């Protein structure tokens, strides 16, 4: 079976599985941003206990292999709450990516000019309102490049949920390779799908970065 035959036989199946991969990636990354923002605030808090808790979480997610986290969380969640493989995988991926997102957002918030917050406070804004309207919009603009990179990593990490039974692209490729006895050709085709997705993601992130980055005019003499 040639590569062309693999494409003809599995094109629509791989395309449907790609849709599942995109759903899984989108859900897990949205949850990761929410988790990351929460732990970024805990990291920046003046409360020592909150700092220790955030450090423990970030250290755990960054220090333990993702596949171990997936298995631990999947079977741990399943013993308490019955979830579908999709949602269990999404939560596990979000838990893992949240530690990296937390550090990205923490750095972006810290790099925002504190004078703007002080000015907002002097105008009568609450600390929460100043953070929401002044600091966070600027922090997210600064964080777009590293967040975009983390999103691409999240897309590639999603392959591991195949071991949880989620019918995404890599799972489909494994099933097809086992059936046609052509693993090289099958995984090459699947890898091409991932490459196209990464290229599209990269293009979208670059466009978003250019759109949100204010144009700077060079000073003329």
Protein backbone atom coordinates (compact mmCIF):
# COMPACT_ATOMS: atom_id res chain seq x y z
CA UNK A 1 0.00 0.00 0.00
CA UNK A 2 1.53 3.32 -1.07
CA UNK A 3 1.19 6.68 0.64
CA UNK A 4 -1.36 7.70 -2.00
CA UNK A 5 -3.46 4.64 -1.21
CA UNK A 6 -3.33 5.46 2.53
CA UNK A 7 -4.54 8.98 1.75
CA UNK A 8 -7.38 7.70 -0.44
CA UNK A 9 -8.48 5.11 2.10
CA UNK A 10 -8.23 7.20 5.26
CA UNK A 11 -8.63 10.81 4.11
CA UNK A 12 -12.13 11.32 5.48
CA UNK A 13 -11.48 9.28 8.60
CA UNK A 14 -8.34 11.28 9.35
CA UNK A 15 -10.22 14.51 8.64
CA UNK A 16 -12.97 13.61 11.13
CA UNK A 17 -10.33 12.63 13.69
CA UNK A 18 -8.60 15.98 13.07
CA UNK A 19 -11.84 17.69 14.07
CA UNK A 20 -11.77 15.77 17.33
CA UNK A 21 -8.14 16.80 17.85
CA UNK A 22 -9.05 20.46 17.35
CA UNK A 23 -11.97 20.20 19.77
CA UNK A 24 -9.78 18.55 22.38
CA UNK A 25 -7.04 21.15 21.93
CA UNK A 26 -9.43 24.11 22.05
CA UNK A 27 -11.25 22.92 25.18
CA UNK A 28 -8.06 22.02 27.05
CA UNK A 29 -6.34 25.31 26.17
CA UNK A 30 -9.30 27.46 27.20
CA UNK A 31 -9.36 25.63 30.53
CA UNK A 32 -5.57 25.97 30.78
CA UNK A 33 -5.81 29.76 30.40
CA UNK A 34 -8.41 29.93 33.17
CA UNK A 35 -6.29 27.72 35.44
CA UNK A 36 -3.11 29.58 34.49
CA UNK A 37 -4.64 32.99 35.23
CA UNK A 38 -5.84 31.79 38.63
CA UNK A 39 -2.41 30.45 39.61
CA UNK A 40 -0.68 33.53 38.19
CA UNK A 41 -2.71 35.62 40.64
CA UNK A 42 -1.87 33.23 43.46
CA UNK A 43 1.80 33.48 42.52
CA UNK A 44 1.61 37.29 42.61
CA UNK A 45 -0.36 37.34 45.85
CA UNK A 46 1.18 38.71 49.02
CA UNK A 47 -0.25 35.71 50.86
CA UNK A 48 2.57 33.28 51.61
CA UNK A 49 0.29 30.24 51.65
CA UNK A 50 -1.06 31.15 48.20
CA UNK A 51 2.52 31.48 46.89
CA UNK A 52 3.48 28.06 48.24
CA UNK A 53 0.35 26.46 46.77
CA UNK A 54 1.01 28.02 43.36
CA UNK A 55 4.68 27.00 43.43
CA UNK A 56 3.71 23.42 44.30
CA UNK A 57 1.24 23.21 41.44
CA UNK A 58 3.61 24.75 38.87
CA UNK A 59 6.47 22.55 40.04
CA UNK A 60 4.30 19.44 39.80
CA UNK A 61 3.03 20.14 36.29
CA UNK A 62 6.46 21.08 34.96
CA UNK A 63 8.38 18.34 36.74
CA UNK A 64 6.23 15.28 36.04
CA UNK A 65 5.99 13.66 32.57
CA UNK A 66 2.73 14.47 30.81
CA UNK A 67 1.83 10.82 30.17
CA UNK A 68 2.11 10.13 33.92
CA UNK A 69 -0.15 13.10 34.68
CA UNK A 70 -2.66 11.92 32.10
CA UNK A 71 -2.87 8.42 33.54
CA UNK A 72 -2.89 9.62 37.14
CA UNK A 73 -5.60 12.23 36.56
CA UNK A 74 -7.67 10.01 34.26
CA UNK A 75 -7.87 7.13 36.69
CA UNK A 76 -8.05 9.49 39.67
CA UNK A 77 -10.94 11.47 38.19
CA UNK A 78 -12.70 8.30 37.03
CA UNK A 79 -12.64 6.87 40.55
CA UNK A 80 -14.50 9.93 41.85
CA UNK A 81 -16.54 11.18 38.90
CA UNK A 82 -17.49 9.28 35.76
CA UNK A 83 -16.34 11.32 32.78
CA UNK A 84 -16.05 10.52 29.10
CA UNK A 85 -12.49 9.98 27.81
CA UNK A 86 -12.78 13.31 25.96
CA UNK A 87 -13.47 15.35 29.09
CA UNK A 88 -11.05 13.41 31.24
CA UNK A 89 -8.35 13.97 28.61
CA UNK A 90 -9.23 17.65 28.26
CA UNK A 91 -9.00 18.22 32.01
CA UNK A 92 -5.71 16.36 32.24
CA UNK A 93 -4.19 18.36 29.37
CA UNK A 94 -5.50 21.59 30.88
CA UNK A 95 -4.02 20.72 34.27
CA UNK A 96 -0.64 20.13 32.64
CA UNK A 97 -0.63 23.22 30.40
CA UNK A 98 -1.99 25.43 33.17
CA UNK A 99 1.36 25.43 34.98
CA UNK A 100 3.16 26.78 31.92
CA UNK A 101 0.41 29.31 31.17
CA UNK A 102 0.56 30.52 34.79
CA UNK A 103 4.24 31.40 34.46
CA UNK A 104 3.67 33.08 31.09
CA UNK A 105 0.86 35.26 32.44
CA UNK A 106 2.67 36.01 35.69
CA UNK A 107 5.65 37.36 33.76
CA UNK A 108 3.42 39.39 31.44
CA UNK A 109 1.52 40.94 34.37
CA UNK A 110 4.73 41.79 36.21
CA UNK A 111 6.15 43.46 33.10
CA UNK A 112 3.18 45.81 32.83
CA UNK A 113 4.05 49.33 33.98
CA UNK A 114 2.94 49.61 37.61
CA UNK A 115 2.49 53.35 37.15
CA UNK A 116 -0.62 52.72 35.07
CA UNK A 117 -2.20 50.78 37.91
CA UNK A 118 -1.37 53.57 40.34
CA UNK A 119 -2.90 56.11 37.96
CA UNK A 120 -6.06 54.04 37.64
CA UNK A 121 -6.29 53.72 41.42
CA UNK A 122 -5.88 57.49 41.80
CA UNK A 123 -8.88 57.94 39.48
CA UNK A 124 -11.03 55.88 41.84
CA UNK A 125 -10.82 52.46 40.20
CA UNK A 126 -10.85 49.44 42.44
CA UNK A 127 -7.85 47.11 42.30
CA UNK A 128 -9.97 44.48 40.53
CA UNK A 129 -11.26 46.96 37.94
CA UNK A 130 -7.77 48.31 37.28
CA UNK A 131 -6.49 44.78 36.79
CA UNK A 132 -9.36 43.88 34.47
CA UNK A 133 -9.37 47.02 32.35
CA UNK A 134 -5.76 48.22 32.44
CA UNK A 135 -3.32 45.45 33.32
CA UNK A 136 -4.77 42.26 31.84
CA UNK A 137 -5.37 43.58 28.29
CA UNK A 138 -1.74 44.69 28.09
CA UNK A 139 -0.49 41.51 29.72
CA UNK A 140 -2.34 39.31 27.24
CA UNK A 141 -0.92 41.30 24.32
CA UNK A 142 2.59 40.76 25.67
CA UNK A 143 1.86 37.09 26.27
CA UNK A 144 0.61 36.30 22.75
CA UNK A 145 3.93 34.91 21.38
CA UNK A 146 4.65 32.53 24.30
CA UNK A 147 0.97 31.62 24.62
CA UNK A 148 0.85 30.85 20.91
CA UNK A 149 3.88 28.61 21.31
CA UNK A 150 2.22 26.87 24.26
CA UNK A 151 -0.94 26.35 22.21
CA UNK A 152 1.08 24.62 19.49
CA UNK A 153 2.73 22.43 22.13
CA UNK A 154 -0.76 21.65 23.46
CA UNK A 155 -1.87 20.56 19.99
CA UNK A 156 1.03 18.11 19.76
CA UNK A 157 0.57 16.96 23.37
CA UNK A 158 -3.03 16.01 22.53
CA UNK A 159 -1.69 12.90 20.77
CA UNK A 160 -1.21 11.27 24.18
CA UNK A 161 -4.93 11.12 24.92
CA UNK A 162 -5.12 8.37 22.31
CA UNK A 163 -4.06 6.09 25.18
CA UNK A 164 -7.21 7.14 27.05
CA UNK A 165 -9.45 6.01 24.21
CA UNK A 166 -10.21 9.41 22.67
CA UNK A 167 -10.76 8.92 18.90
CA UNK A 168 -8.49 11.78 17.79
CA UNK A 169 -6.01 11.88 14.91
CA UNK A 170 -3.18 9.87 16.43
CA UNK A 171 -5.61 7.25 17.71
CA UNK A 172 -7.05 6.94 14.21
CA UNK A 173 -3.52 6.58 12.79
CA UNK A 174 -2.67 3.80 15.24
CA UNK A 175 -5.84 1.92 14.35
CA UNK A 176 -5.21 2.33 10.62
CA UNK A 177 -1.55 1.26 10.90
CA UNK A 178 -2.53 -1.87 12.79
CA UNK A 179 -5.08 -2.76 10.10
CA UNK A 180 -3.05 -2.10 6.95
CA UNK A 181 0.40 -3.20 8.21
CA UNK A 182 1.91 -0.03 6.73
CA UNK A 183 2.92 1.98 9.81
CA UNK A 184 5.50 4.14 8.03
CA UNK A 185 3.11 5.39 5.34
CA UNK A 186 0.21 5.76 7.75
CA UNK A 187 2.13 7.75 10.37
CA UNK A 188 3.69 9.86 7.62
CA UNK A 189 0.24 10.87 6.43
CA UNK A 190 -0.90 11.56 10.01
CA UNK A 191 2.25 13.59 10.62
CA UNK A 192 1.44 15.68 7.55
CA UNK A 193 -1.97 16.47 9.03
CA UNK A 194 -0.30 17.65 12.24
CA UNK A 195 2.23 19.69 10.27
CA UNK A 196 -0.54 21.49 8.40
CA UNK A 197 -2.37 22.20 11.68
CA UNK A 198 0.79 23.62 13.26
CA UNK A 199 1.42 25.82 10.21
CA UNK A 200 -2.16 27.15 10.39
CA UNK A 201 -1.84 27.78 14.15
CA UNK A 202 1.47 29.58 13.64
CA UNK A 203 -0.02 31.77 10.92
CA UNK A 204 -3.01 32.66 13.09
CA UNK A 205 -0.82 33.55 16.07
CA UNK A 206 1.42 35.74 13.91
CA UNK A 207 -1.60 37.54 12.46
CA UNK A 208 -3.08 38.08 15.91
CA UNK A 209 0.24 39.37 17.25
CA UNK A 210 0.54 41.89 14.41
CA UNK A 211 -3.05 43.00 14.85
CA UNK A 212 -2.77 43.59 18.59
CA UNK A 213 0.74 45.06 18.63
CA UNK A 214 0.55 48.85 18.32
CA UNK A 215 2.45 50.23 15.36
CA UNK A 216 5.50 52.16 16.37
CA UNK A 217 6.67 54.98 14.23
CA UNK A 218 10.38 55.44 14.05
CA UNK A 219 11.61 58.81 15.18
CA UNK A 220 12.85 60.96 12.34
CA UNK A 221 15.53 63.52 12.62
